[in-house]
Amino acid sequence: MSKQRKAVALVSGGLDSMLAAKVILEQGVHVEGINFYTGFCVEGHTHAIRKRDRERQKRNNALWVAEQLGIKLHIIDISEPYKDVVLNPKYGYGQNLNPCLDCKIFMVDGARDFMEAEGFDFIITGEVVGQRPKSQRKDTMPLVARESGANDRLLRPLCAHNLPPTLPEREGWVDRAALHGFQGRTRKPQMALAAHYGIEDYAQPAGGCCFLTDKSYSGKLADLWGARGRKDYDLDDIMLLKVGRHIRPDSHFKLIVGREEGENNYLEGYRHRFVHLTPVSHPGPLALVDGIPVEEDLVLAARILARYSQGRTAEQVEVELTLLDGTSKLLQVAPLKPNEIPDGWHV
């Protein structure tokens, strides 16, 4: 009997990677999934916090896909080494701050390490020629294979007919005729294949779950780098950039103001790390002050916060200011009027 071959599949949680793994499973290959945690894909986070998103699913889609396929999933934390990909992408950024091509190379390289260490034979991805403008072009497909070191052990089952045969195809580990030739940005072939397999529930694409593909989020991250004078971040930065209004009255400080109860509750967990403000005389949100504010900045911050409290039309609002050493004092401030908050302050 011939040896059963083993493939490691990059599982993002989206439909394409799910289908790619399914196509190879159908050929009798043993498949296990691998999912890399970068810190920028935290599914369900804002869905759980914000009221408008409460009805949206809060599952981890990669785990869910593995469960549907009946395969083992290895989740590997690469958040620290991945920082260099985000901060110094060799091939630059996409439309926002998404280093898509460098990211794909990095992840396939990680899958190659896993393949070699664990005795697997080849790697599967859900890539489709022409689907992504930077990382999934016909000219970048060979680049990913070459620079990751995977070479012809990297198989893209959904678009294999548009690419030269890989080692698994040439050696007969998989039947090339049973692979596909999808291309372009249309999702219709994938949806039809999903229907063929009886797959009805799957995550929508639209950039996946990566925060870096989001214009608003990328703008906040770029603002953070500009204010600090260096490109760097930690995990708390990643999470806080996704929550609240970010208002920067000056280059050396900004406010993070909760927009609703769920966000206020989340921001409560960061009170000890930041100077923070809370309305006392009227109901209102919590505001964290990030940066190095001076006394007049804190008075301005209190006036901005008062604007977002239920005392916005009052002559005076009492705001509690708490410093990093835990000491606090009360400030009596006049709320800023809407026209006193320039659009340029909103990050």
C-alpha atoms as a PDB file:
ATOM      1  CA  MET A   1       0.000   0.000   0.000  1.00  0.00           C
ATOM      2  CA  SER A   2       1.184   3.525  -0.737  1.00  0.00           C
ATOM      3  CA  LYS A   3       2.094   5.777   2.162  1.00  0.00           C
ATOM      4  CA  GLN A   4      -0.617   8.221   3.253  1.00  0.00           C
ATOM      5  CA  ARG A   5       0.662  11.723   2.681  1.00  0.00           C
ATOM      6  CA  LYS A   6       0.291  14.531   5.214  1.00  0.00           C
ATOM      7  CA  ALA A   7      -0.454  18.183   4.467  1.00  0.00           C
ATOM      8  CA  VAL A   8      -0.497  21.216   6.737  1.00  0.00           C
ATOM      9  CA  ALA A   9      -3.146  23.763   5.763  1.00  0.00           C
ATOM     10  CA  LEU A  10      -2.991  27.451   6.576  1.00  0.00           C
ATOM     11  CA  VAL A  11      -6.430  28.027   8.125  1.00  0.00           C
ATOM     12  CA  SER A  12      -7.479  31.659   8.427  1.00  0.00           C
ATOM     13  CA  GLY A  13     -11.111  30.901   9.208  1.00  0.00           C
ATOM     14  CA  GLY A  14     -12.353  32.132   5.841  1.00  0.00           C
ATOM     15  CA  LEU A  15     -14.090  30.173   3.101  1.00  0.00           C
ATOM     16  CA  ASP A  16     -11.078  29.826   0.778  1.00  0.00           C
ATOM     17  CA  SER A  17      -8.806  28.125   3.296  1.00  0.00           C
ATOM     18  CA  MET A  18     -11.705  25.919   4.383  1.00  0.00           C
ATOM     19  CA  LEU A  19     -12.350  24.798   0.803  1.00  0.00           C
ATOM     20  CA  ALA A  20      -8.661  24.263   0.040  1.00  0.00           C
ATOM     21  CA  ALA A  21      -8.338  21.908   3.003  1.00  0.00           C
ATOM     22  CA  LYS A  22     -11.574  20.140   2.063  1.00  0.00           C
ATOM     23  CA  VAL A  23     -10.422  19.533  -1.529  1.00  0.00           C
ATOM     24  CA  ILE A  24      -7.282  17.786  -0.275  1.00  0.00           C
ATOM     25  CA  LEU A  25      -9.102  15.875   2.457  1.00  0.00           C
ATOM     26  CA  GLU A  26     -11.384  14.477  -0.244  1.00  0.00           C
ATOM     27  CA  GLN A  27      -8.303  12.926  -1.862  1.00  0.00           C
ATOM     28  CA  GLY A  28      -7.488  10.873   1.224  1.00  0.00           C
ATOM     29  CA  VAL A  29      -4.595  13.045   2.394  1.00  0.00           C
ATOM     30  CA  HIS A  30      -4.173  13.522   6.151  1.00  0.00           C
ATOM     31  CA  VAL A  31      -4.647  17.266   6.768  1.00  0.00           C
ATOM     32  CA  GLU A  32      -3.979  19.304   9.889  1.00  0.00           C
ATOM     33  CA  GLY A  33      -4.523  23.037  10.150  1.00  0.00           C
ATOM     34  CA  ILE A  34      -2.241  25.770  11.364  1.00  0.00           C
ATOM     35  CA  ASN A  35      -3.348  29.245  12.441  1.00  0.00           C
ATOM     36  CA  PHE A  36      -0.900  31.992  13.327  1.00  0.00           C
ATOM     37  CA  TYR A  37      -1.874  34.520  15.993  1.00  0.00           C
ATOM     38  CA  THR A  38      -0.422  37.909  15.039  1.00  0.00           C
ATOM     39  CA  GLY A  39      -2.369  40.057  17.501  1.00  0.00           C
ATOM     40  CA  PHE A  40      -4.184  41.844  14.670  1.00  0.00           C
ATOM     41  CA  CYS A  41      -6.907  39.276  14.203  1.00  0.00           C
ATOM     42  CA  VAL A  42      -9.067  39.170  17.318  1.00  0.00           C
ATOM     43  CA  GLU A  43     -12.396  37.879  16.081  1.00  0.00           C
ATOM     44  CA  GLY A  44     -15.469  38.726  18.083  1.00  0.00           C
ATOM     45  CA  HIS A  45     -13.680  41.368  20.180  1.00  0.00           C
ATOM     46  CA  THR A  46     -15.639  44.449  19.178  1.00  0.00           C
ATOM     47  CA  HIS A  47     -18.678  42.299  18.439  1.00  0.00           C
ATOM     48  CA  ALA A  48     -18.803  41.441  22.127  1.00  0.00           C
ATOM     49  CA  ILE A  49     -18.152  45.004  23.296  1.00  0.00           C
ATOM     50  CA  ARG A  50     -20.345  47.173  21.075  1.00  0.00           C
ATOM     51  CA  LYS A  51     -24.121  47.016  21.339  1.00  0.00           C
ATOM     52  CA  ARG A  52     -24.680  47.336  17.587  1.00  0.00           C
ATOM     53  CA  ASP A  53     -22.564  44.195  17.006  1.00  0.00           C
ATOM     54  CA  ARG A  54     -24.020  42.065  19.806  1.00  0.00           C
ATOM     55  CA  GLU A  55     -25.952  39.873  17.363  1.00  0.00           C
ATOM     56  CA  ARG A  56     -22.881  39.097  15.284  1.00  0.00           C
ATOM     57  CA  GLN A  57     -21.093  35.799  15.794  1.00  0.00           C
ATOM     58  CA  LYS A  58     -18.317  35.793  18.374  1.00  0.00           C
ATOM     59  CA  ARG A  59     -16.715  32.497  17.434  1.00  0.00           C
ATOM     60  CA  ASN A  60     -13.095  31.952  16.510  1.00  0.00           C
ATOM     61  CA  ASN A  61     -13.570  31.103  12.846  1.00  0.00           C
ATOM     62  CA  ALA A  62     -10.315  29.144  12.494  1.00  0.00           C
ATOM     63  CA  LEU A  63     -11.339  26.808  15.332  1.00  0.00           C
ATOM     64  CA  TRP A  64     -14.826  26.575  13.906  1.00  0.00           C
ATOM     65  CA  VAL A  65     -13.515  25.655  10.435  1.00  0.00           C
ATOM     66  CA  ALA A  66     -11.276  22.954  11.919  1.00  0.00           C
ATOM     67  CA  GLU A  67     -14.265  21.543  13.777  1.00  0.00           C
ATOM     68  CA  GLN A  68     -16.398  21.478  10.618  1.00  0.00           C
ATOM     69  CA  LEU A  69     -13.628  19.733   8.688  1.00  0.00           C
ATOM     70  CA  GLY A  70     -12.829  17.327  11.517  1.00  0.00           C
ATOM     71  CA  ILE A  71      -9.137  18.209  11.552  1.00  0.00           C
ATOM     72  CA  LYS A  72      -6.668  19.130  14.254  1.00  0.00           C
ATOM     73  CA  LEU A  73      -5.768  22.829  14.459  1.00  0.00           C
ATOM     74  CA  HIS A  74      -2.442  24.138  15.748  1.00  0.00           C
ATOM     75  CA  ILE A  75      -2.623  27.767  16.933  1.00  0.00           C
ATOM     76  CA  ILE A  76       0.804  29.374  17.144  1.00  0.00           C
ATOM     77  CA  ASP A  77       1.521  32.766  18.712  1.00  0.00           C
ATOM     78  CA  ILE A  78       3.810  34.734  16.401  1.00  0.00           C
ATOM     79  CA  SER A  79       2.879  38.186  17.716  1.00  0.00           C
ATOM     80  CA  GLU A  80       6.449  39.119  18.682  1.00  0.00           C
ATOM     81  CA  PRO A  81       8.380  38.037  15.557  1.00  0.00           C
ATOM     82  CA  TYR A  82       5.495  39.315  13.418  1.00  0.00           C
ATOM     83  CA  LYS A  83       6.181  42.866  14.596  1.00  0.00           C
ATOM     84  CA  ASP A  84       9.073  43.143  12.148  1.00  0.00           C
ATOM     85  CA  VAL A  85       6.706  42.248   9.303  1.00  0.00           C
ATOM     86  CA  VAL A  86       4.352  45.081  10.274  1.00  0.00           C
ATOM     87  CA  LEU A  87       7.032  47.649  11.028  1.00  0.00           C
ATOM     88  CA  ASN A  88       9.479  46.892   8.208  1.00  0.00           C
ATOM     89  CA  PRO A  89       7.747  45.152   5.301  1.00  0.00           C
ATOM     90  CA  LYS A  90      10.196  44.410   2.506  1.00  0.00           C
ATOM     91  CA  TYR A  91       7.429  44.666  -0.096  1.00  0.00           C
ATOM     92  CA  GLY A  92       5.607  47.574   1.500  1.00  0.00           C
ATOM     93  CA  TYR A  93       2.007  48.012   2.567  1.00  0.00           C
ATOM     94  CA  GLY A  94      -1.260  47.465   0.757  1.00  0.00           C
ATOM     95  CA  GLN A  95      -4.009  50.054   0.603  1.00  0.00           C
ATOM     96  CA  ASN A  96      -3.727  50.665   4.361  1.00  0.00           C
ATOM     97  CA  LEU A  97      -1.058  49.344   6.752  1.00  0.00           C
ATOM     98  CA  ASN A  98      -1.478  45.735   5.705  1.00  0.00           C
ATOM     99  CA  PRO A  99       1.872  44.145   4.737  1.00  0.00           C
ATOM    100  CA  CYS A 100       0.046  41.457   2.773  1.00  0.00           C
ATOM    101  CA  LEU A 101       2.865  40.030   0.661  1.00  0.00           C
ATOM    102  CA  ASP A 102       5.385  39.990   3.514  1.00  0.00           C
ATOM    103  CA  CYS A 103       2.681  38.507   5.741  1.00  0.00           C
ATOM    104  CA  LYS A 104       1.981  35.647   3.341  1.00  0.00           C
ATOM    105  CA  ILE A 105       5.682  34.865   2.956  1.00  0.00           C
ATOM    106  CA  PHE A 106       6.119  34.936   6.749  1.00  0.00           C
ATOM    107  CA  MET A 107       3.196  32.588   7.364  1.00  0.00           C
ATOM    108  CA  VAL A 108       4.115  30.107   4.649  1.00  0.00           C
ATOM    109  CA  ASP A 109       7.663  30.115   6.028  1.00  0.00           C
ATOM    110  CA  GLY A 110       6.216  29.308   9.463  1.00  0.00           C
ATOM    111  CA  ALA A 111       4.155  26.506   7.933  1.00  0.00           C
ATOM    112  CA  ARG A 112       7.291  25.180   6.252  1.00  0.00           C
ATOM    113  CA  ASP A 113       9.086  25.064   9.617  1.00  0.00           C
ATOM    114  CA  PHE A 114       6.125  23.172  11.062  1.00  0.00           C
ATOM    115  CA  MET A 115       5.998  20.808   8.077  1.00  0.00           C
ATOM    116  CA  GLU A 116       9.663  19.920   8.400  1.00  0.00           C
ATOM    117  CA  ALA A 117       9.607  19.578  12.192  1.00  0.00           C
ATOM    118  CA  GLU A 118       6.450  17.449  12.311  1.00  0.00           C
ATOM    119  CA  GLY A 119       7.043  15.196   9.300  1.00  0.00           C
ATOM    120  CA  PHE A 120       4.431  16.597   6.926  1.00  0.00           C
ATOM    121  CA  ASP A 121       4.858  16.418   3.166  1.00  0.00           C
ATOM    122  CA  PHE A 122       3.429  19.650   1.789  1.00  0.00           C
ATOM    123  CA  ILE A 123       1.572  22.890   2.534  1.00  0.00           C
ATOM    124  CA  ILE A 124      -1.918  23.990   1.464  1.00  0.00           C
ATOM    125  CA  THR A 125      -3.208  27.560   1.220  1.00  0.00           C
ATOM    126  CA  GLY A 126      -6.536  28.938   0.015  1.00  0.00           C
ATOM    127  CA  GLU A 127      -4.953  31.502  -2.301  1.00  0.00           C
ATOM    128  CA  VAL A 128      -6.637  32.315  -5.606  1.00  0.00           C
ATOM    129  CA  VAL A 129      -4.804  34.014  -8.479  1.00  0.00           C
ATOM    130  CA  GLY A 130      -5.996  37.592  -8.889  1.00  0.00           C
ATOM    131  CA  GLN A 131      -8.104  37.714  -5.736  1.00  0.00           C
ATOM    132  CA  ARG A 132      -5.867  40.079  -3.738  1.00  0.00           C
ATOM    133  CA  PRO A 133      -4.184  42.998  -5.535  1.00  0.00           C
ATOM    134  CA  LYS A 134      -0.875  42.683  -3.698  1.00  0.00           C
ATOM    135  CA  SER A 135      -0.308  39.175  -2.391  1.00  0.00           C
ATOM    136  CA  GLN A 136      -2.330  37.005  -4.801  1.00  0.00           C
ATOM    137  CA  ARG A 137      -1.134  37.924  -8.277  1.00  0.00           C
ATOM    138  CA  LYS A 138       0.289  35.484 -10.772  1.00  0.00           C
ATOM    139  CA  ASP A 139       3.702  37.141 -10.484  1.00  0.00           C
ATOM    140  CA  THR A 140       3.723  37.071  -6.667  1.00  0.00           C
ATOM    141  CA  MET A 141       2.643  33.419  -6.300  1.00  0.00           C
ATOM    142  CA  PRO A 142       6.139  32.100  -7.236  1.00  0.00           C
ATOM    143  CA  LEU A 143       7.695  34.810  -5.035  1.00  0.00           C
ATOM    144  CA  VAL A 144       5.834  33.562  -1.960  1.00  0.00           C
ATOM    145  CA  ALA A 145       6.843  29.970  -2.683  1.00  0.00           C
ATOM    146  CA  ARG A 146      10.474  30.881  -3.242  1.00  0.00           C
ATOM    147  CA  GLU A 147      11.070  33.367  -0.417  1.00  0.00           C
ATOM    148  CA  SER A 148       9.250  31.240   2.159  1.00  0.00           C
ATOM    149  CA  GLY A 149      11.447  28.264   1.291  1.00  0.00           C
ATOM    150  CA  ALA A 150       8.367  26.128   0.595  1.00  0.00           C
ATOM    151  CA  ASN A 151       9.111  26.082  -3.154  1.00  0.00           C
ATOM    152  CA  ASP A 152       7.083  23.398  -4.962  1.00  0.00           C
ATOM    153  CA  ARG A 153       5.791  21.858  -1.744  1.00  0.00           C
ATOM    154  CA  LEU A 154       3.319  24.756  -1.611  1.00  0.00           C
ATOM    155  CA  LEU A 155       0.015  23.741  -3.198  1.00  0.00           C
ATOM    156  CA  ARG A 156      -2.905  26.100  -3.889  1.00  0.00           C
ATOM    157  CA  PRO A 157      -5.784  23.672  -4.583  1.00  0.00           C
ATOM    158  CA  LEU A 158      -8.302  26.355  -5.610  1.00  0.00           C
ATOM    159  CA  CYS A 159      -6.177  27.812  -8.428  1.00  0.00           C
ATOM    160  CA  ALA A 160      -3.707  25.002  -9.170  1.00  0.00           C
ATOM    161  CA  HIS A 161      -4.730  24.753 -12.827  1.00  0.00           C
ATOM    162  CA  ASN A 162      -3.464  28.316 -13.352  1.00  0.00           C
ATOM    163  CA  LEU A 163      -0.019  27.473 -11.965  1.00  0.00           C
ATOM    164  CA  PRO A 164       2.746  24.984 -12.800  1.00  0.00           C
ATOM    165  CA  PRO A 165       2.311  21.517 -11.237  1.00  0.00           C
ATOM    166  CA  THR A 166       3.789  21.264  -7.743  1.00  0.00           C
ATOM    167  CA  LEU A 167       5.668  18.328  -6.199  1.00  0.00           C
ATOM    168  CA  PRO A 168       2.513  16.774  -4.656  1.00  0.00           C
ATOM    169  CA  GLU A 169       0.880  16.840  -8.099  1.00  0.00           C
ATOM    170  CA  ARG A 170       3.893  15.496 -10.009  1.00  0.00           C
ATOM    171  CA  GLU A 171       4.452  12.703  -7.495  1.00  0.00           C
ATOM    172  CA  GLY A 172       0.802  11.667  -7.542  1.00  0.00           C
ATOM    173  CA  TRP A 173       0.188  12.486  -3.877  1.00  0.00           C
ATOM    174  CA  VAL A 174      -2.842  14.417  -5.117  1.00  0.00           C
ATOM    175  CA  ASP A 175      -4.782  14.232  -8.362  1.00  0.00           C
ATOM    176  CA  ARG A 176      -4.257  17.483 -10.262  1.00  0.00           C
ATOM    177  CA  ALA A 177      -7.420  16.849 -12.256  1.00  0.00           C
ATOM    178  CA  ALA A 178      -9.446  17.073  -9.040  1.00  0.00           C
ATOM    179  CA  LEU A 179      -8.021  20.510  -8.220  1.00  0.00           C
ATOM    180  CA  HIS A 180      -9.438  23.802  -9.502  1.00  0.00           C
ATOM    181  CA  GLY A 181      -8.630  26.810 -11.676  1.00  0.00           C
ATOM    182  CA  PHE A 182     -10.365  29.658  -9.868  1.00  0.00           C
ATOM    183  CA  GLN A 183      -9.117  33.153 -10.583  1.00  0.00           C
ATOM    184  CA  GLY A 184     -10.105  36.773 -10.089  1.00  0.00           C
ATOM    185  CA  ARG A 185     -12.098  38.495  -7.388  1.00  0.00           C
ATOM    186  CA  THR A 186     -15.456  36.833  -7.968  1.00  0.00           C
ATOM    187  CA  ARG A 187     -16.630  34.608  -5.141  1.00  0.00           C
ATOM    188  CA  LYS A 188     -19.109  32.613  -7.225  1.00  0.00           C
ATOM    189  CA  PRO A 189     -16.865  29.556  -7.870  1.00  0.00           C
ATOM    190  CA  GLN A 190     -16.054  29.261  -4.162  1.00  0.00           C
ATOM    191  CA  MET A 191     -19.706  29.616  -3.219  1.00  0.00           C
ATOM    192  CA  ALA A 192     -20.655  26.943  -5.750  1.00  0.00           C
ATOM    193  CA  LEU A 193     -17.973  24.600  -4.408  1.00  0.00           C
ATOM    194  CA  ALA A 194     -19.157  25.240  -0.859  1.00  0.00           C
ATOM    195  CA  ALA A 195     -22.685  24.325  -1.918  1.00  0.00           C
ATOM    196  CA  HIS A 196     -21.334  21.148  -3.556  1.00  0.00           C
ATOM    197  CA  TYR A 197     -19.799  20.138  -0.234  1.00  0.00           C
ATOM    198  CA  GLY A 198     -22.932  21.115   1.679  1.00  0.00           C
ATOM    199  CA  ILE A 199     -21.175  24.007   3.400  1.00  0.00           C
ATOM    200  CA  GLU A 200     -23.734  26.718   4.119  1.00  0.00           C
ATOM    201  CA  ASP A 201     -22.222  28.661   7.027  1.00  0.00           C
ATOM    202  CA  TYR A 202     -18.882  30.409   6.521  1.00  0.00           C
ATOM    203  CA  ALA A 203     -17.166  33.701   7.324  1.00  0.00           C
ATOM    204  CA  GLN A 204     -17.409  36.499   4.806  1.00  0.00           C
ATOM    205  CA  PRO A 205     -14.089  37.601   3.211  1.00  0.00           C
ATOM    206  CA  ALA A 206     -13.806  41.426   2.979  1.00  0.00           C
ATOM    207  CA  GLY A 207     -10.210  41.548   4.211  1.00  0.00           C
ATOM    208  CA  GLY A 208     -10.697  38.804   6.751  1.00  0.00           C
ATOM    209  CA  CYS A 209     -10.315  39.711  10.397  1.00  0.00           C
ATOM    210  CA  CYS A 210      -7.014  41.607  10.095  1.00  0.00           C
ATOM    211  CA  PHE A 211      -7.326  45.074  11.633  1.00  0.00           C
ATOM    212  CA  LEU A 212      -4.529  46.337   9.369  1.00  0.00           C
ATOM    213  CA  THR A 213      -6.790  46.166   6.305  1.00  0.00           C
ATOM    214  CA  ASP A 214      -9.189  48.659   7.923  1.00  0.00           C
ATOM    215  CA  LYS A 215      -8.677  52.296   6.887  1.00  0.00           C
ATOM    216  CA  SER A 216      -9.841  53.780  10.183  1.00  0.00           C
ATOM    217  CA  TYR A 217      -7.743  51.422  12.274  1.00  0.00           C
ATOM    218  CA  SER A 218      -4.643  51.973  10.140  1.00  0.00           C
ATOM    219  CA  GLY A 219      -5.091  55.726  10.513  1.00  0.00           C
ATOM    220  CA  LYS A 220      -5.080  55.376  14.297  1.00  0.00           C
ATOM    221  CA  LEU A 221      -1.974  53.198  14.199  1.00  0.00           C
ATOM    222  CA  ALA A 222      -0.149  55.678  11.952  1.00  0.00           C
ATOM    223  CA  ASP A 223      -1.179  58.480  14.324  1.00  0.00           C
ATOM    224  CA  LEU A 224       0.216  56.499  17.259  1.00  0.00           C
ATOM    225  CA  TRP A 225       3.547  56.023  15.493  1.00  0.00           C
ATOM    226  CA  GLY A 226       3.706  59.699  14.574  1.00  0.00           C
ATOM    227  CA  ALA A 227       2.966  60.847  18.126  1.00  0.00           C
ATOM    228  CA  ARG A 228       5.580  58.552  19.647  1.00  0.00           C
ATOM    229  CA  GLY A 229       8.177  59.378  17.028  1.00  0.00           C
ATOM    230  CA  ARG A 230       8.835  55.713  16.325  1.00  0.00           C
ATOM    231  CA  LYS A 231       7.161  52.706  14.754  1.00  0.00           C
ATOM    232  CA  ASP A 232       6.350  50.313  17.569  1.00  0.00           C
ATOM    233  CA  TYR A 233       3.372  48.810  19.378  1.00  0.00           C
ATOM    234  CA  ASP A 234       2.390  46.286  22.026  1.00  0.00           C
ATOM    235  CA  LEU A 235      -0.667  44.084  22.385  1.00  0.00           C
ATOM    236  CA  ASP A 236      -2.547  46.655  24.496  1.00  0.00           C
ATOM    237  CA  ASP A 237      -2.005  49.246  21.758  1.00  0.00           C
ATOM    238  CA  ILE A 238      -3.533  46.847  19.232  1.00  0.00           C
ATOM    239  CA  MET A 239      -6.652  46.379  21.323  1.00  0.00           C
ATOM    240  CA  LEU A 240      -7.138  49.991  22.420  1.00  0.00           C
ATOM    241  CA  LEU A 241      -6.913  51.293  18.859  1.00  0.00           C
ATOM    242  CA  LYS A 242     -10.070  49.295  18.137  1.00  0.00           C
ATOM    243  CA  VAL A 243     -12.104  50.793  20.982  1.00  0.00           C
ATOM    244  CA  GLY A 244     -13.608  54.234  21.625  1.00  0.00           C
ATOM    245  CA  ARG A 245     -13.268  57.697  20.074  1.00  0.00           C
ATOM    246  CA  HIS A 246      -9.630  58.694  19.649  1.00  0.00           C
ATOM    247  CA  ILE A 247      -9.272  62.475  19.917  1.00  0.00           C
ATOM    248  CA  ARG A 248      -5.880  64.174  19.606  1.00  0.00           C
ATOM    249  CA  PRO A 249      -5.987  67.902  20.478  1.00  0.00           C
ATOM    250  CA  ASP A 250      -2.178  68.101  20.288  1.00  0.00           C
ATOM    251  CA  SER A 251       0.724  65.945  19.174  1.00  0.00           C
ATOM    252  CA  HIS A 252       1.801  65.028  22.714  1.00  0.00           C
ATOM    253  CA  PHE A 253      -1.480  63.627  24.035  1.00  0.00           C
ATOM    254  CA  LYS A 254      -4.812  62.152  23.029  1.00  0.00           C
ATOM    255  CA  LEU A 255      -8.035  60.955  24.642  1.00  0.00           C
ATOM    256  CA  ILE A 256      -9.683  57.571  24.256  1.00  0.00           C
ATOM    257  CA  VAL A 257     -13.354  58.133  25.057  1.00  0.00           C
ATOM    258  CA  GLY A 258     -15.819  55.283  25.470  1.00  0.00           C
ATOM    259  CA  ARG A 259     -18.784  55.451  23.085  1.00  0.00           C
ATOM    260  CA  GLU A 260     -21.163  53.212  25.021  1.00  0.00           C
ATOM    261  CA  GLU A 261     -21.449  51.045  28.105  1.00  0.00           C
ATOM    262  CA  GLY A 262     -19.585  48.048  26.677  1.00  0.00           C
ATOM    263  CA  GLU A 263     -16.604  50.174  25.662  1.00  0.00           C
ATOM    264  CA  ASN A 264     -16.565  51.961  29.017  1.00  0.00           C
ATOM    265  CA  ASN A 265     -16.501  48.606  30.776  1.00  0.00           C
ATOM    266  CA  TYR A 266     -13.611  47.480  28.586  1.00  0.00           C
ATOM    267  CA  LEU A 267     -11.653  50.707  29.139  1.00  0.00           C
ATOM    268  CA  GLU A 268     -12.095  50.301  32.902  1.00  0.00           C
ATOM    269  CA  GLY A 269      -9.501  47.547  32.717  1.00  0.00           C
ATOM    270  CA  TYR A 270      -6.886  50.101  31.625  1.00  0.00           C
ATOM    271  CA  ARG A 271      -7.528  52.775  34.255  1.00  0.00           C
ATOM    272  CA  HIS A 272      -4.386  51.900  36.216  1.00  0.00           C
ATOM    273  CA  ARG A 273      -2.190  52.435  33.132  1.00  0.00           C
ATOM    274  CA  PHE A 274      -3.426  55.892  32.177  1.00  0.00           C
ATOM    275  CA  VAL A 275      -4.344  59.247  33.594  1.00  0.00           C
ATOM    276  CA  HIS A 276      -8.130  59.110  33.317  1.00  0.00           C
ATOM    277  CA  LEU A 277     -11.220  61.268  33.612  1.00  0.00           C
ATOM    278  CA  THR A 278     -14.775  60.499  34.722  1.00  0.00           C
ATOM    279  CA  PRO A 279     -17.798  62.855  34.825  1.00  0.00           C
ATOM    280  CA  VAL A 280     -19.168  63.153  38.368  1.00  0.00           C
ATOM    281  CA  SER A 281     -22.056  65.618  38.161  1.00  0.00           C
ATOM    282  CA  HIS A 282     -23.600  64.014  35.063  1.00  0.00           C
ATOM    283  CA  PRO A 283     -23.591  60.494  33.587  1.00  0.00           C
ATOM    284  CA  GLY A 284     -20.958  60.075  30.939  1.00  0.00           C
ATOM    285  CA  PRO A 285     -18.119  57.965  29.553  1.00  0.00           C
ATOM    286  CA  LEU A 286     -14.674  57.154  30.866  1.00  0.00           C
ATOM    287  CA  ALA A 287     -11.737  58.802  29.077  1.00  0.00           C
ATOM    288  CA  LEU A 288      -8.142  57.600  29.114  1.00  0.00           C
ATOM    289  CA  VAL A 289      -5.412  60.183  28.469  1.00  0.00           C
ATOM    290  CA  ASP A 290      -2.511  58.778  26.463  1.00  0.00           C
ATOM    291  CA  GLY A 291       0.739  60.723  26.187  1.00  0.00           C
ATOM    292  CA  ILE A 292       2.417  63.369  28.337  1.00  0.00           C
ATOM    293  CA  PRO A 293      -0.205  66.057  29.021  1.00  0.00           C
ATOM    294  CA  VAL A 294       0.502  69.213  31.040  1.00  0.00           C
ATOM    295  CA  GLU A 295      -2.022  70.813  33.396  1.00  0.00           C
ATOM    296  CA  GLU A 296      -3.812  72.906  30.783  1.00  0.00           C
ATOM    297  CA  ASP A 297      -4.069  69.832  28.547  1.00  0.00           C
ATOM    298  CA  LEU A 298      -5.914  68.006  31.316  1.00  0.00           C
ATOM    299  CA  VAL A 299      -8.364  70.861  31.703  1.00  0.00           C
ATOM    300  CA  LEU A 300      -8.992  70.756  27.953  1.00  0.00           C
ATOM    301  CA  ALA A 301      -9.394  66.964  28.155  1.00  0.00           C
ATOM    302  CA  ALA A 302     -11.991  67.416  30.902  1.00  0.00           C
ATOM    303  CA  ARG A 303     -13.900  69.914  28.753  1.00  0.00           C
ATOM    304  CA  ILE A 304     -13.854  67.482  25.818  1.00  0.00           C
ATOM    305  CA  LEU A 305     -15.117  64.672  28.036  1.00  0.00           C
ATOM    306  CA  ALA A 306     -17.860  66.933  29.405  1.00  0.00           C
ATOM    307  CA  ARG A 307     -18.975  67.464  25.803  1.00  0.00           C
ATOM    308  CA  TYR A 308     -19.631  63.718  25.505  1.00  0.00           C
ATOM    309  CA  SER A 309     -21.434  63.485  28.865  1.00  0.00           C
ATOM    310  CA  GLN A 310     -25.111  64.116  29.536  1.00  0.00           C
ATOM    311  CA  GLY A 311     -24.043  67.534  30.818  1.00  0.00           C
ATOM    312  CA  ARG A 312     -23.027  68.718  27.359  1.00  0.00           C
ATOM    313  CA  THR A 313     -25.550  71.600  27.496  1.00  0.00           C
ATOM    314  CA  ALA A 314     -24.831  72.536  31.120  1.00  0.00           C
ATOM    315  CA  GLU A 315     -22.780  75.587  32.043  1.00  0.00           C
ATOM    316  CA  GLN A 316     -20.469  73.525  34.252  1.00  0.00           C
ATOM    317  CA  VAL A 317     -19.681  69.818  34.581  1.00  0.00           C
ATOM    318  CA  GLU A 318     -17.727  68.326  37.467  1.00  0.00           C
ATOM    319  CA  VAL A 319     -15.092  65.877  36.266  1.00  0.00           C
ATOM    320  CA  GLU A 320     -12.838  63.672  38.390  1.00  0.00           C
ATOM    321  CA  LEU A 321      -9.221  63.570  37.233  1.00  0.00           C
ATOM    322  CA  THR A 322      -7.110  60.622  38.445  1.00  0.00           C
ATOM    323  CA  LEU A 323      -3.341  60.672  37.953  1.00  0.00           C
ATOM    324  CA  LEU A 324      -1.000  57.718  37.520  1.00  0.00           C
ATOM    325  CA  ASP A 325      -0.074  57.716  41.217  1.00  0.00           C
ATOM    326  CA  GLY A 326      -3.732  57.230  42.103  1.00  0.00           C
ATOM    327  CA  THR A 327      -4.330  60.726  43.440  1.00  0.00           C
ATOM    328  CA  SER A 328      -7.410  62.505  42.162  1.00  0.00           C
ATOM    329  CA  LYS A 329      -9.062  65.895  42.149  1.00  0.00           C
ATOM    330  CA  LEU A 330     -12.289  67.446  40.917  1.00  0.00           C
ATOM    331  CA  LEU A 331     -12.383  69.899  38.041  1.00  0.00           C
ATOM    332  CA  GLN A 332     -15.269  72.265  37.290  1.00  0.00           C
ATOM    333  CA  VAL A 333     -15.276  72.817  33.528  1.00  0.00           C
ATOM    334  CA  ALA A 334     -17.473  74.231  30.796  1.00  0.00           C
ATOM    335  CA  PRO A 335     -18.196  71.596  28.128  1.00  0.00           C
ATOM    336  CA  LEU A 336     -16.736  72.319  24.727  1.00  0.00           C
ATOM    337  CA  LYS A 337     -19.306  73.171  22.104  1.00  0.00           C
ATOM    338  CA  PRO A 338     -19.456  70.954  18.994  1.00  0.00           C
ATOM    339  CA  ASN A 339     -17.837  73.643  16.838  1.00  0.00           C
ATOM    340  CA  GLU A 340     -14.938  73.857  19.291  1.00  0.00           C
ATOM    341  CA  ILE A 341     -13.833  70.297  18.476  1.00  0.00           C
ATOM    342  CA  PRO A 342     -12.184  70.503  15.042  1.00  0.00           C
ATOM    343  CA  ASP A 343     -12.534  67.551  12.681  1.00  0.00           C
ATOM    344  CA  GLY A 344      -8.756  67.282  12.696  1.00  0.00           C
ATOM    345  CA  TRP A 345      -8.787  66.219  16.329  1.00  0.00           C
ATOM    346  CA  HIS A 346     -10.623  62.981  15.510  1.00  0.00           C
ATOM    347  CA  VAL A 347      -8.077  60.329  14.689  1.00  0.00           C
END
